ModelCIF file with pLDDT and N, C-alpha, C, O atoms, coordinates in Angstrom:
data_MODEL
#
_entry.id   MODEL 
#
_entity.id                         1 
_entity.type                       polymer 
_entity.pdbx_number_of_molecules   1 
#
_entity_poly.entity_id                      1 
_entity_poly.type                           'polypeptide(L)' 
_entity_poly.nstd_linkage                   no 
_entity_poly.nstd_monomer                   no 
_entity_poly.pdbx_seq_one_letter_code       SGFYQGKPTGEITDFFDYYAPPDKERVEFGKKRQVAQIFVGNEGWEVT 
_entity_poly.pdbx_seq_one_letter_code_can   SGFYQGKPTGEITDFFDYYAPPDKERVEFGKKRQVAQIFVGNEGWEVT 
_entity_poly.pdbx_strand_id                 A 
#
loop_
_entity_poly_seq.entity_id 
_entity_poly_seq.num 
_entity_poly_seq.mon_id 
_entity_poly_seq.hetero 
1 1  SER n 
1 2  GLY n 
1 3  PHE n 
1 4  TYR n 
1 5  GLN n 
1 6  GLY n 
1 7  LYS n 
1 8  PRO n 
1 9  THR n 
1 10 GLY n 
1 11 GLU n 
1 12 ILE n 
1 13 THR n 
1 14 ASP n 
1 15 PHE n 
1 16 PHE n 
1 17 ASP n 
1 18 TYR n 
1 19 TYR n 
1 20 ALA n 
1 21 PRO n 
1 22 PRO n 
1 23 ASP n 
1 24 LYS n 
1 25 GLU n 
1 26 ARG n 
1 27 VAL n 
1 28 GLU n 
1 29 PHE n 
1 30 GLY n 
1 31 LYS n 
1 32 LYS n 
1 33 ARG n 
1 34 GLN n 
1 35 VAL n 
1 36 ALA n 
1 37 GLN n 
1 38 ILE n 
1 39 PHE n 
1 40 VAL n 
1 41 GLY n 
1 42 ASN n 
1 43 GLU n 
1 44 GLY n 
1 45 TRP n 
1 46 GLU n 
1 47 VAL n 
1 48 THR n 
#
_struct_asym.id          A 
_struct_asym.entity_id   1 
#
loop_
_ma_qa_metric.id 
_ma_qa_metric.mode 
_ma_qa_metric.name 
_ma_qa_metric.software_group_id 
_ma_qa_metric.type 
1 global pLDDT . pLDDT 
2 local  pLDDT . pLDDT 
#
_ma_qa_metric_global.metric_id      1 
_ma_qa_metric_global.metric_value   93.77 
_ma_qa_metric_global.model_id       1 
_ma_qa_metric_global.ordinal_id     1 
#
loop_
_ma_qa_metric_local.label_asym_id 
_ma_qa_metric_local.label_comp_id 
_ma_qa_metric_local.label_seq_id 
_ma_qa_metric_local.metric_id 
_ma_qa_metric_local.metric_value 
_ma_qa_metric_local.model_id 
_ma_qa_metric_local.ordinal_id 
A SER 1  2 91.00 1 1  
A GLY 2  2 89.00 1 2  
A PHE 3  2 91.00 1 3  
A TYR 4  2 92.00 1 4  
A GLN 5  2 93.00 1 5  
A GLY 6  2 90.00 1 6  
A LYS 7  2 92.00 1 7  
A PRO 8  2 90.00 1 8  
A THR 9  2 92.00 1 9  
A GLY 10 2 90.00 1 10 
A GLU 11 2 90.00 1 11 
A ILE 12 2 92.00 1 12 
A THR 13 2 93.00 1 13 
A ASP 14 2 95.00 1 14 
A PHE 15 2 95.00 1 15 
A PHE 16 2 96.00 1 16 
A ASP 17 2 96.00 1 17 
A TYR 18 2 96.00 1 18 
A TYR 19 2 93.00 1 19 
A ALA 20 2 92.00 1 20 
A PRO 21 2 85.00 1 21 
A PRO 22 2 83.00 1 22 
A ASP 23 2 89.00 1 23 
A LYS 24 2 95.00 1 24 
A GLU 25 2 96.00 1 25 
A ARG 26 2 97.00 1 26 
A VAL 27 2 96.00 1 27 
A GLU 28 2 97.00 1 28 
A PHE 29 2 95.00 1 29 
A GLY 30 2 94.00 1 30 
A LYS 31 2 92.00 1 31 
A LYS 32 2 93.00 1 32 
A ARG 33 2 94.00 1 33 
A GLN 34 2 95.00 1 34 
A VAL 35 2 96.00 1 35 
A ALA 36 2 97.00 1 36 
A GLN 37 2 97.00 1 37 
A ILE 38 2 97.00 1 38 
A PHE 39 2 97.00 1 39 
A VAL 40 2 97.00 1 40 
A GLY 41 2 94.00 1 41 
A ASN 42 2 96.00 1 42 
A GLU 43 2 97.00 1 43 
A GLY 44 2 97.00 1 44 
A TRP 45 2 98.00 1 45 
A GLU 46 2 97.00 1 46 
A VAL 47 2 97.00 1 47 
A THR 48 2 95.00 1 48 
#
loop_
_atom_site.group_PDB 
_atom_site.id 
_atom_site.type_symbol 
_atom_site.label_atom_id 
_atom_site.label_alt_id 
_atom_site.label_comp_id 
_atom_site.label_asym_id 
_atom_site.label_entity_id 
_atom_site.label_seq_id 
_atom_site.pdbx_PDB_ins_code 
_atom_site.Cartn_x 
_atom_site.Cartn_y 
_atom_site.Cartn_z 
_atom_site.occupancy 
_atom_site.B_iso_or_equiv 
_atom_site.pdbx_formal_charge 
_atom_site.auth_seq_id 
_atom_site.auth_comp_id 
_atom_site.auth_asym_id 
_atom_site.auth_atom_id 
_atom_site.pdbx_PDB_model_num 
ATOM 1   N N  . SER A 1 1  ? 2.277  95.442  3.099  1.00 91.00 ? 1  SER A N  1 
ATOM 2   C CA . SER A 1 1  ? 1.800  96.615  2.366  1.00 91.00 ? 1  SER A CA 1 
ATOM 3   C C  . SER A 1 1  ? 1.610  97.769  3.335  1.00 91.00 ? 1  SER A C  1 
ATOM 4   O O  . SER A 1 1  ? 1.388  97.559  4.527  1.00 91.00 ? 1  SER A O  1 
ATOM 5   N N  . GLY A 1 2  ? 1.698  98.974  2.824  1.00 89.00 ? 2  GLY A N  1 
ATOM 6   C CA . GLY A 1 2  ? 1.509  100.151 3.649  1.00 89.00 ? 2  GLY A CA 1 
ATOM 7   C C  . GLY A 1 2  ? 0.072  100.645 3.605  1.00 89.00 ? 2  GLY A C  1 
ATOM 8   O O  . GLY A 1 2  ? -0.634 100.464 2.612  1.00 89.00 ? 2  GLY A O  1 
ATOM 9   N N  . PHE A 1 3  ? -0.349 101.274 4.702  1.00 91.00 ? 3  PHE A N  1 
ATOM 10  C CA . PHE A 1 3  ? -1.675 101.873 4.794  1.00 91.00 ? 3  PHE A CA 1 
ATOM 11  C C  . PHE A 1 3  ? -1.541 103.296 5.312  1.00 91.00 ? 3  PHE A C  1 
ATOM 12  O O  . PHE A 1 3  ? -0.662 103.594 6.120  1.00 91.00 ? 3  PHE A O  1 
ATOM 13  N N  . TYR A 1 4  ? -2.415 104.165 4.842  1.00 92.00 ? 4  TYR A N  1 
ATOM 14  C CA . TYR A 1 4  ? -2.479 105.538 5.332  1.00 92.00 ? 4  TYR A CA 1 
ATOM 15  C C  . TYR A 1 4  ? -3.942 105.887 5.517  1.00 92.00 ? 4  TYR A C  1 
ATOM 16  O O  . TYR A 1 4  ? -4.730 105.804 4.575  1.00 92.00 ? 4  TYR A O  1 
ATOM 17  N N  . GLN A 1 5  ? -4.304 106.276 6.724  1.00 93.00 ? 5  GLN A N  1 
ATOM 18  C CA . GLN A 1 5  ? -5.680 106.608 7.081  1.00 93.00 ? 5  GLN A CA 1 
ATOM 19  C C  . GLN A 1 5  ? -6.639 105.466 6.727  1.00 93.00 ? 5  GLN A C  1 
ATOM 20  O O  . GLN A 1 5  ? -7.745 105.694 6.237  1.00 93.00 ? 5  GLN A O  1 
ATOM 21  N N  . GLY A 1 6  ? -6.193 104.244 6.985  1.00 90.00 ? 6  GLY A N  1 
ATOM 22  C CA . GLY A 1 6  ? -7.036 103.078 6.774  1.00 90.00 ? 6  GLY A CA 1 
ATOM 23  C C  . GLY A 1 6  ? -7.161 102.612 5.341  1.00 90.00 ? 6  GLY A C  1 
ATOM 24  O O  . GLY A 1 6  ? -7.900 101.666 5.064  1.00 90.00 ? 6  GLY A O  1 
ATOM 25  N N  . LYS A 1 7  ? -6.457 103.250 4.424  1.00 92.00 ? 7  LYS A N  1 
ATOM 26  C CA . LYS A 1 7  ? -6.544 102.872 3.013  1.00 92.00 ? 7  LYS A CA 1 
ATOM 27  C C  . LYS A 1 7  ? -5.171 102.414 2.531  1.00 92.00 ? 7  LYS A C  1 
ATOM 28  O O  . LYS A 1 7  ? -4.159 102.994 2.927  1.00 92.00 ? 7  LYS A O  1 
ATOM 29  N N  . PRO A 1 8  ? -5.114 101.381 1.679  1.00 90.00 ? 8  PRO A N  1 
ATOM 30  C CA . PRO A 1 8  ? -3.811 100.913 1.184  1.00 90.00 ? 8  PRO A CA 1 
ATOM 31  C C  . PRO A 1 8  ? -3.128 101.968 0.327  1.00 90.00 ? 8  PRO A C  1 
ATOM 32  O O  . PRO A 1 8  ? -3.778 102.670 -0.448 1.00 90.00 ? 8  PRO A O  1 
ATOM 33  N N  . THR A 1 9  ? -1.811 102.072 0.473  1.00 92.00 ? 9  THR A N  1 
ATOM 34  C CA . THR A 1 9  ? -1.042 103.044 -0.310 1.00 92.00 ? 9  THR A CA 1 
ATOM 35  C C  . THR A 1 9  ? -0.615 102.471 -1.652 1.00 92.00 ? 9  THR A C  1 
ATOM 36  O O  . THR A 1 9  ? -0.217 103.219 -2.546 1.00 92.00 ? 9  THR A O  1 
ATOM 37  N N  . GLY A 1 10 ? -0.692 101.155 -1.803 1.00 90.00 ? 10 GLY A N  1 
ATOM 38  C CA . GLY A 1 10 ? -0.258 100.526 -3.043 1.00 90.00 ? 10 GLY A CA 1 
ATOM 39  C C  . GLY A 1 10 ? 1.187  100.065 -3.004 1.00 90.00 ? 10 GLY A C  1 
ATOM 40  O O  . GLY A 1 10 ? 1.650  99.386  -3.920 1.00 90.00 ? 10 GLY A O  1 
ATOM 41  N N  . GLU A 1 11 ? 1.904  100.432 -1.945 1.00 90.00 ? 11 GLU A N  1 
ATOM 42  C CA . GLU A 1 11 ? 3.296  100.007 -1.802 1.00 90.00 ? 11 GLU A CA 1 
ATOM 43  C C  . GLU A 1 11 ? 3.329  98.608  -1.196 1.00 90.00 ? 11 GLU A C  1 
ATOM 44  O O  . GLU A 1 11 ? 2.778  98.376  -0.120 1.00 90.00 ? 11 GLU A O  1 
ATOM 45  N N  . ILE A 1 12 ? 3.970  97.691  -1.886 1.00 92.00 ? 12 ILE A N  1 
ATOM 46  C CA . ILE A 1 12 ? 4.103  96.323  -1.399 1.00 92.00 ? 12 ILE A CA 1 
ATOM 47  C C  . ILE A 1 12 ? 5.582  95.977  -1.394 1.00 92.00 ? 12 ILE A C  1 
ATOM 48  O O  . ILE A 1 12 ? 6.292  96.264  -2.357 1.00 92.00 ? 12 ILE A O  1 
ATOM 49  N N  . THR A 1 13 ? 6.052  95.358  -0.309 1.00 93.00 ? 13 THR A N  1 
ATOM 50  C CA . THR A 1 13 ? 7.458  94.959  -0.233 1.00 93.00 ? 13 THR A CA 1 
ATOM 51  C C  . THR A 1 13 ? 7.568  93.570  0.382  1.00 93.00 ? 13 THR A C  1 
ATOM 52  O O  . THR A 1 13 ? 6.711  93.155  1.163  1.00 93.00 ? 13 THR A O  1 
ATOM 53  N N  . ASP A 1 14 ? 8.616  92.866  0.026  1.00 95.00 ? 14 ASP A N  1 
ATOM 54  C CA . ASP A 1 14 ? 8.900  91.553  0.597  1.00 95.00 ? 14 ASP A CA 1 
ATOM 55  C C  . ASP A 1 14 ? 9.572  91.743  1.951  1.00 95.00 ? 14 ASP A C  1 
ATOM 56  O O  . ASP A 1 14 ? 10.252 92.742  2.185  1.00 95.00 ? 14 ASP A O  1 
ATOM 57  N N  . PHE A 1 15 ? 9.372  90.763  2.848  1.00 95.00 ? 15 PHE A N  1 
ATOM 58  C CA . PHE A 1 15 ? 10.092 90.793  4.116  1.00 95.00 ? 15 PHE A CA 1 
ATOM 59  C C  . PHE A 1 15 ? 10.547 89.385  4.481  1.00 95.00 ? 15 PHE A C  1 
ATOM 60  O O  . PHE A 1 15 ? 9.947  88.390  4.076  1.00 95.00 ? 15 PHE A O  1 
ATOM 61  N N  . PHE A 1 16 ? 11.614 89.335  5.252  1.00 96.00 ? 16 PHE A N  1 
ATOM 62  C CA . PHE A 1 16 ? 12.206 88.093  5.722  1.00 96.00 ? 16 PHE A CA 1 
ATOM 63  C C  . PHE A 1 16 ? 12.429 88.273  7.219  1.00 96.00 ? 16 PHE A C  1 
ATOM 64  O O  . PHE A 1 16 ? 13.184 89.153  7.632  1.00 96.00 ? 16 PHE A O  1 
ATOM 65  N N  . ASP A 1 17 ? 11.783 87.452  8.029  1.00 96.00 ? 17 ASP A N  1 
ATOM 66  C CA . ASP A 1 17 ? 11.810 87.601  9.484  1.00 96.00 ? 17 ASP A CA 1 
ATOM 67  C C  . ASP A 1 17 ? 12.462 86.365  10.095 1.00 96.00 ? 17 ASP A C  1 
ATOM 68  O O  . ASP A 1 17 ? 12.012 85.243  9.861  1.00 96.00 ? 17 ASP A O  1 
ATOM 69  N N  . TYR A 1 18 ? 13.511 86.566  10.868 1.00 96.00 ? 18 TYR A N  1 
ATOM 70  C CA . TYR A 1 18 ? 14.218 85.480  11.545 1.00 96.00 ? 18 TYR A CA 1 
ATOM 71  C C  . TYR A 1 18 ? 14.129 85.730  13.043 1.00 96.00 ? 18 TYR A C  1 
ATOM 72  O O  . TYR A 1 18 ? 14.475 86.815  13.511 1.00 96.00 ? 18 TYR A O  1 
ATOM 73  N N  . TYR A 1 19 ? 13.664 84.734  13.803 1.00 93.00 ? 19 TYR A N  1 
ATOM 74  C CA . TYR A 1 19 ? 13.468 84.897  15.242 1.00 93.00 ? 19 TYR A CA 1 
ATOM 75  C C  . TYR A 1 19 ? 14.125 83.755  16.003 1.00 93.00 ? 19 TYR A C  1 
ATOM 76  O O  . TYR A 1 19 ? 13.968 82.590  15.638 1.00 93.00 ? 19 TYR A O  1 
ATOM 77  N N  . ALA A 1 20 ? 14.859 84.086  17.059 1.00 92.00 ? 20 ALA A N  1 
ATOM 78  C CA . ALA A 1 20 ? 15.466 83.100  17.949 1.00 92.00 ? 20 ALA A CA 1 
ATOM 79  C C  . ALA A 1 20 ? 15.084 83.471  19.378 1.00 92.00 ? 20 ALA A C  1 
ATOM 80  O O  . ALA A 1 20 ? 15.516 84.505  19.887 1.00 92.00 ? 20 ALA A O  1 
ATOM 81  N N  . PRO A 1 21 ? 14.269 82.624  20.035 1.00 85.00 ? 21 PRO A N  1 
ATOM 82  C CA . PRO A 1 21 ? 13.815 82.941  21.390 1.00 85.00 ? 21 PRO A CA 1 
ATOM 83  C C  . PRO A 1 21 ? 14.985 83.082  22.345 1.00 85.00 ? 21 PRO A C  1 
ATOM 84  O O  . PRO A 1 21 ? 16.030 82.478  22.106 1.00 85.00 ? 21 PRO A O  1 
ATOM 85  N N  . PRO A 1 22 ? 14.860 83.838  23.396 1.00 83.00 ? 22 PRO A N  1 
ATOM 86  C CA . PRO A 1 22 ? 13.643 84.550  23.766 1.00 83.00 ? 22 PRO A CA 1 
ATOM 87  C C  . PRO A 1 22 ? 13.562 85.975  23.222 1.00 83.00 ? 22 PRO A C  1 
ATOM 88  O O  . PRO A 1 22 ? 12.483 86.567  23.239 1.00 83.00 ? 22 PRO A O  1 
ATOM 89  N N  . ASP A 1 23 ? 14.670 86.545  22.739 1.00 89.00 ? 23 ASP A N  1 
ATOM 90  C CA . ASP A 1 23 ? 14.611 87.978  22.441 1.00 89.00 ? 23 ASP A CA 1 
ATOM 91  C C  . ASP A 1 23 ? 15.505 88.430  21.284 1.00 89.00 ? 23 ASP A C  1 
ATOM 92  O O  . ASP A 1 23 ? 15.997 89.558  21.299 1.00 89.00 ? 23 ASP A O  1 
ATOM 93  N N  . LYS A 1 24 ? 15.722 87.583  20.293 1.00 95.00 ? 24 LYS A N  1 
ATOM 94  C CA . LYS A 1 24 ? 16.553 87.975  19.146 1.00 95.00 ? 24 LYS A CA 1 
ATOM 95  C C  . LYS A 1 24 ? 15.717 87.883  17.879 1.00 95.00 ? 24 LYS A C  1 
ATOM 96  O O  . LYS A 1 24 ? 15.100 86.855  17.601 1.00 95.00 ? 24 LYS A O  1 
ATOM 97  N N  . GLU A 1 25 ? 15.703 88.977  17.110 1.00 96.00 ? 25 GLU A N  1 
ATOM 98  C CA . GLU A 1 25 ? 14.936 88.988  15.868 1.00 96.00 ? 25 GLU A CA 1 
ATOM 99  C C  . GLU A 1 25 ? 15.622 89.880  14.844 1.00 96.00 ? 25 GLU A C  1 
ATOM 100 O O  . GLU A 1 25 ? 16.201 90.914  15.178 1.00 96.00 ? 25 GLU A O  1 
ATOM 101 N N  . ARG A 1 26 ? 15.542 89.449  13.582 1.00 97.00 ? 26 ARG A N  1 
ATOM 102 C CA . ARG A 1 26 ? 16.081 90.225  12.473 1.00 97.00 ? 26 ARG A CA 1 
ATOM 103 C C  . ARG A 1 26 ? 15.021 90.235  11.384 1.00 97.00 ? 26 ARG A C  1 
ATOM 104 O O  . ARG A 1 26 ? 14.560 89.179  10.951 1.00 97.00 ? 26 ARG A O  1 
ATOM 105 N N  . VAL A 1 27 ? 14.631 91.431  10.939 1.00 96.00 ? 27 VAL A N  1 
ATOM 106 C CA . VAL A 1 27 ? 13.631 91.580  9.883  1.00 96.00 ? 27 VAL A CA 1 
ATOM 107 C C  . VAL A 1 27 ? 14.293 92.329  8.737  1.00 96.00 ? 27 VAL A C  1 
ATOM 108 O O  . VAL A 1 27 ? 14.814 93.429  8.920  1.00 96.00 ? 27 VAL A O  1 
ATOM 109 N N  . GLU A 1 28 ? 14.268 91.719  7.538  1.00 97.00 ? 28 GLU A N  1 
ATOM 110 C CA . GLU A 1 28 ? 14.868 92.332  6.353  1.00 97.00 ? 28 GLU A CA 1 
ATOM 111 C C  . GLU A 1 28 ? 13.762 92.680  5.372  1.00 97.00 ? 28 GLU A C  1 
ATOM 112 O O  . GLU A 1 28 ? 12.809 91.919  5.209  1.00 97.00 ? 28 GLU A O  1 
ATOM 113 N N  . PHE A 1 29 ? 13.888 93.834  4.717  1.00 95.00 ? 29 PHE A N  1 
ATOM 114 C CA . PHE A 1 29 ? 12.856 94.324  3.801  1.00 95.00 ? 29 PHE A CA 1 
ATOM 115 C C  . PHE A 1 29 ? 13.427 94.494  2.400  1.00 95.00 ? 29 PHE A C  1 
ATOM 116 O O  . PHE A 1 29 ? 14.585 94.878  2.236  1.00 95.00 ? 29 PHE A O  1 
ATOM 117 N N  . GLY A 1 30 ? 12.597 94.204  1.374  1.00 94.00 ? 30 GLY A N  1 
ATOM 118 C CA . GLY A 1 30 ? 12.973 94.381  -0.025 1.00 94.00 ? 30 GLY A CA 1 
ATOM 119 C C  . GLY A 1 30 ? 13.456 93.087  -0.648 1.00 94.00 ? 30 GLY A C  1 
ATOM 120 O O  . GLY A 1 30 ? 13.945 92.198  0.049  1.00 94.00 ? 30 GLY A O  1 
ATOM 121 N N  . LYS A 1 31 ? 13.317 92.982  -1.967 1.00 92.00 ? 31 LYS A N  1 
ATOM 122 C CA . LYS A 1 31 ? 13.759 91.769  -2.667 1.00 92.00 ? 31 LYS A CA 1 
ATOM 123 C C  . LYS A 1 31 ? 15.244 91.509  -2.457 1.00 92.00 ? 31 LYS A C  1 
ATOM 124 O O  . LYS A 1 31 ? 15.675 90.361  -2.346 1.00 92.00 ? 31 LYS A O  1 
ATOM 125 N N  . LYS A 1 32 ? 16.015 92.578  -2.406 1.00 93.00 ? 32 LYS A N  1 
ATOM 126 C CA . LYS A 1 32 ? 17.458 92.438  -2.207 1.00 93.00 ? 32 LYS A CA 1 
ATOM 127 C C  . LYS A 1 32 ? 17.854 92.691  -0.754 1.00 93.00 ? 32 LYS A C  1 
ATOM 128 O O  . LYS A 1 32 ? 19.036 92.806  -0.428 1.00 93.00 ? 32 LYS A O  1 
ATOM 129 N N  . ARG A 1 33 ? 16.841 92.773  0.114  1.00 94.00 ? 33 ARG A N  1 
ATOM 130 C CA . ARG A 1 33 ? 17.062 92.946  1.567  1.00 94.00 ? 33 ARG A CA 1 
ATOM 131 C C  . ARG A 1 33 ? 17.888 94.184  1.864  1.00 94.00 ? 33 ARG A C  1 
ATOM 132 O O  . ARG A 1 33 ? 18.887 94.132  2.581  1.00 94.00 ? 33 ARG A O  1 
ATOM 133 N N  . GLN A 1 34 ? 17.446 95.306  1.293  1.00 95.00 ? 34 GLN A N  1 
ATOM 134 C CA . GLN A 1 34 ? 18.188 96.558  1.410  1.00 95.00 ? 34 GLN A CA 1 
ATOM 135 C C  . GLN A 1 34 ? 18.184 97.136  2.824  1.00 95.00 ? 34 GLN A C  1 
ATOM 136 O O  . GLN A 1 34 ? 19.127 97.820  3.221  1.00 95.00 ? 34 GLN A O  1 
ATOM 137 N N  . VAL A 1 35 ? 17.126 96.861  3.581  1.00 96.00 ? 35 VAL A N  1 
ATOM 138 C CA . VAL A 1 35 ? 16.992 97.406  4.935  1.00 96.00 ? 35 VAL A CA 1 
ATOM 139 C C  . VAL A 1 35 ? 16.781 96.253  5.895  1.00 96.00 ? 35 VAL A C  1 
ATOM 140 O O  . VAL A 1 35 ? 16.010 95.337  5.611  1.00 96.00 ? 35 VAL A O  1 
ATOM 141 N N  . ALA A 1 36 ? 17.470 96.293  7.042  1.00 97.00 ? 36 ALA A N  1 
ATOM 142 C CA . ALA A 1 36 ? 17.291 95.262  8.067  1.00 97.00 ? 36 ALA A CA 1 
ATOM 143 C C  . ALA A 1 36 ? 17.110 95.943  9.411  1.00 97.00 ? 36 ALA A C  1 
ATOM 144 O O  . ALA A 1 36 ? 17.768 96.939  9.712  1.00 97.00 ? 36 ALA A O  1 
ATOM 145 N N  . GLN A 1 37 ? 16.208 95.391  10.216 1.00 97.00 ? 37 GLN A N  1 
ATOM 146 C CA . GLN A 1 37 ? 16.046 95.829  11.599 1.00 97.00 ? 37 GLN A CA 1 
ATOM 147 C C  . GLN A 1 37 ? 16.436 94.664  12.486 1.00 97.00 ? 37 GLN A C  1 
ATOM 148 O O  . GLN A 1 37 ? 15.949 93.547  12.310 1.00 97.00 ? 37 GLN A O  1 
ATOM 149 N N  . ILE A 1 38 ? 17.320 94.929  13.446 1.00 97.00 ? 38 ILE A N  1 
ATOM 150 C CA . ILE A 1 38 ? 17.848 93.890  14.322 1.00 97.00 ? 38 ILE A CA 1 
ATOM 151 C C  . ILE A 1 38 ? 17.466 94.250  15.756 1.00 97.00 ? 38 ILE A C  1 
ATOM 152 O O  . ILE A 1 38 ? 17.666 95.379  16.206 1.00 97.00 ? 38 ILE A O  1 
ATOM 153 N N  . PHE A 1 39 ? 16.907 93.258  16.468 1.00 97.00 ? 39 PHE A N  1 
ATOM 154 C CA . PHE A 1 39 ? 16.492 93.456  17.849 1.00 97.00 ? 39 PHE A CA 1 
ATOM 155 C C  . PHE A 1 39 ? 17.152 92.390  18.717 1.00 97.00 ? 39 PHE A C  1 
ATOM 156 O O  . PHE A 1 39 ? 17.030 91.195  18.448 1.00 97.00 ? 39 PHE A O  1 
ATOM 157 N N  . VAL A 1 40 ? 17.853 92.834  19.762 1.00 97.00 ? 40 VAL A N  1 
ATOM 158 C CA . VAL A 1 40 ? 18.461 91.929  20.733 1.00 97.00 ? 40 VAL A CA 1 
ATOM 159 C C  . VAL A 1 40 ? 18.122 92.483  22.109 1.00 97.00 ? 40 VAL A C  1 
ATOM 160 O O  . VAL A 1 40 ? 18.521 93.593  22.462 1.00 97.00 ? 40 VAL A O  1 
ATOM 161 N N  . GLY A 1 41 ? 17.384 91.698  22.878 1.00 94.00 ? 41 GLY A N  1 
ATOM 162 C CA . GLY A 1 41 ? 16.945 92.173  24.185 1.00 94.00 ? 41 GLY A CA 1 
ATOM 163 C C  . GLY A 1 41 ? 16.035 93.377  24.019 1.00 94.00 ? 41 GLY A C  1 
ATOM 164 O O  . GLY A 1 41 ? 15.050 93.319  23.283 1.00 94.00 ? 41 GLY A O  1 
ATOM 165 N N  . ASN A 1 42 ? 16.356 94.451  24.693 1.00 96.00 ? 42 ASN A N  1 
ATOM 166 C CA . ASN A 1 42 ? 15.562 95.681  24.614 1.00 96.00 ? 42 ASN A CA 1 
ATOM 167 C C  . ASN A 1 42 ? 16.232 96.746  23.762 1.00 96.00 ? 42 ASN A C  1 
ATOM 168 O O  . ASN A 1 42 ? 15.954 97.934  23.925 1.00 96.00 ? 42 ASN A O  1 
ATOM 169 N N  . GLU A 1 43 ? 17.111 96.336  22.855 1.00 97.00 ? 43 GLU A N  1 
ATOM 170 C CA . GLU A 1 43 ? 17.797 97.263  21.963 1.00 97.00 ? 43 GLU A CA 1 
ATOM 171 C C  . GLU A 1 43 ? 17.431 96.940  20.518 1.00 97.00 ? 43 GLU A C  1 
ATOM 172 O O  . GLU A 1 43 ? 17.102 95.800  20.189 1.00 97.00 ? 43 GLU A O  1 
ATOM 173 N N  . GLY A 1 44 ? 17.492 97.960  19.658 1.00 97.00 ? 44 GLY A N  1 
ATOM 174 C CA . GLY A 1 44 ? 17.161 97.750  18.255 1.00 97.00 ? 44 GLY A CA 1 
ATOM 175 C C  . GLY A 1 44 ? 17.974 98.663  17.351 1.00 97.00 ? 44 GLY A C  1 
ATOM 176 O O  . GLY A 1 44 ? 18.263 99.808  17.699 1.00 97.00 ? 44 GLY A O  1 
ATOM 177 N N  . TRP A 1 45 ? 18.340 98.138  16.181 1.00 98.00 ? 45 TRP A N  1 
ATOM 178 C CA . TRP A 1 45 ? 19.126 98.882  15.206 1.00 98.00 ? 45 TRP A CA 1 
ATOM 179 C C  . TRP A 1 45 ? 18.531 98.717  13.823 1.00 98.00 ? 45 TRP A C  1 
ATOM 180 O O  . TRP A 1 45 ? 17.812 97.757  13.545 1.00 98.00 ? 45 TRP A O  1 
ATOM 181 N N  . GLU A 1 46 ? 18.843 99.667  12.967 1.00 97.00 ? 46 GLU A N  1 
ATOM 182 C CA . GLU A 1 46 ? 18.477 99.569  11.562 1.00 97.00 ? 46 GLU A CA 1 
ATOM 183 C C  . GLU A 1 46 ? 19.765 99.587  10.756 1.00 97.00 ? 46 GLU A C  1 
ATOM 184 O O  . GLU A 1 46 ? 20.651 100.407 10.997 1.00 97.00 ? 46 GLU A O  1 
ATOM 185 N N  . VAL A 1 47 ? 19.859 98.672  9.795  1.00 97.00 ? 47 VAL A N  1 
ATOM 186 C CA . VAL A 1 47 ? 21.047 98.578  8.951  1.00 97.00 ? 47 VAL A CA 1 
ATOM 187 C C  . VAL A 1 47 ? 20.616 98.865  7.516  1.00 97.00 ? 47 VAL A C  1 
ATOM 188 O O  . VAL A 1 47 ? 19.739 98.192  6.974  1.00 97.00 ? 47 VAL A O  1 
ATOM 189 N N  . THR A 1 48 ? 21.247 99.877  6.903  1.00 95.00 ? 48 THR A N  1 
ATOM 190 C CA . THR A 1 48 ? 20.983 100.233 5.506  1.00 95.00 ? 48 THR A CA 1 
ATOM 191 C C  . THR A 1 48 ? 22.330 100.393 4.805  1.00 95.00 ? 48 THR A C  1 
ATOM 192 O O  . THR A 1 48 ? 22.373 100.694 3.612  1.00 95.00 ? 48 THR A O  1 
#
């Protein structure tokens, strides 16, 4: 859920987090996984 100035905004979204040590992670947001953030090493991308 999102917060603004310490108060909930009312926005709630699903997330799916996949992690493979030591430094690979993929986080997908939304029921249909519309947005994904991918991290490999010290680099990161957003896929929409």
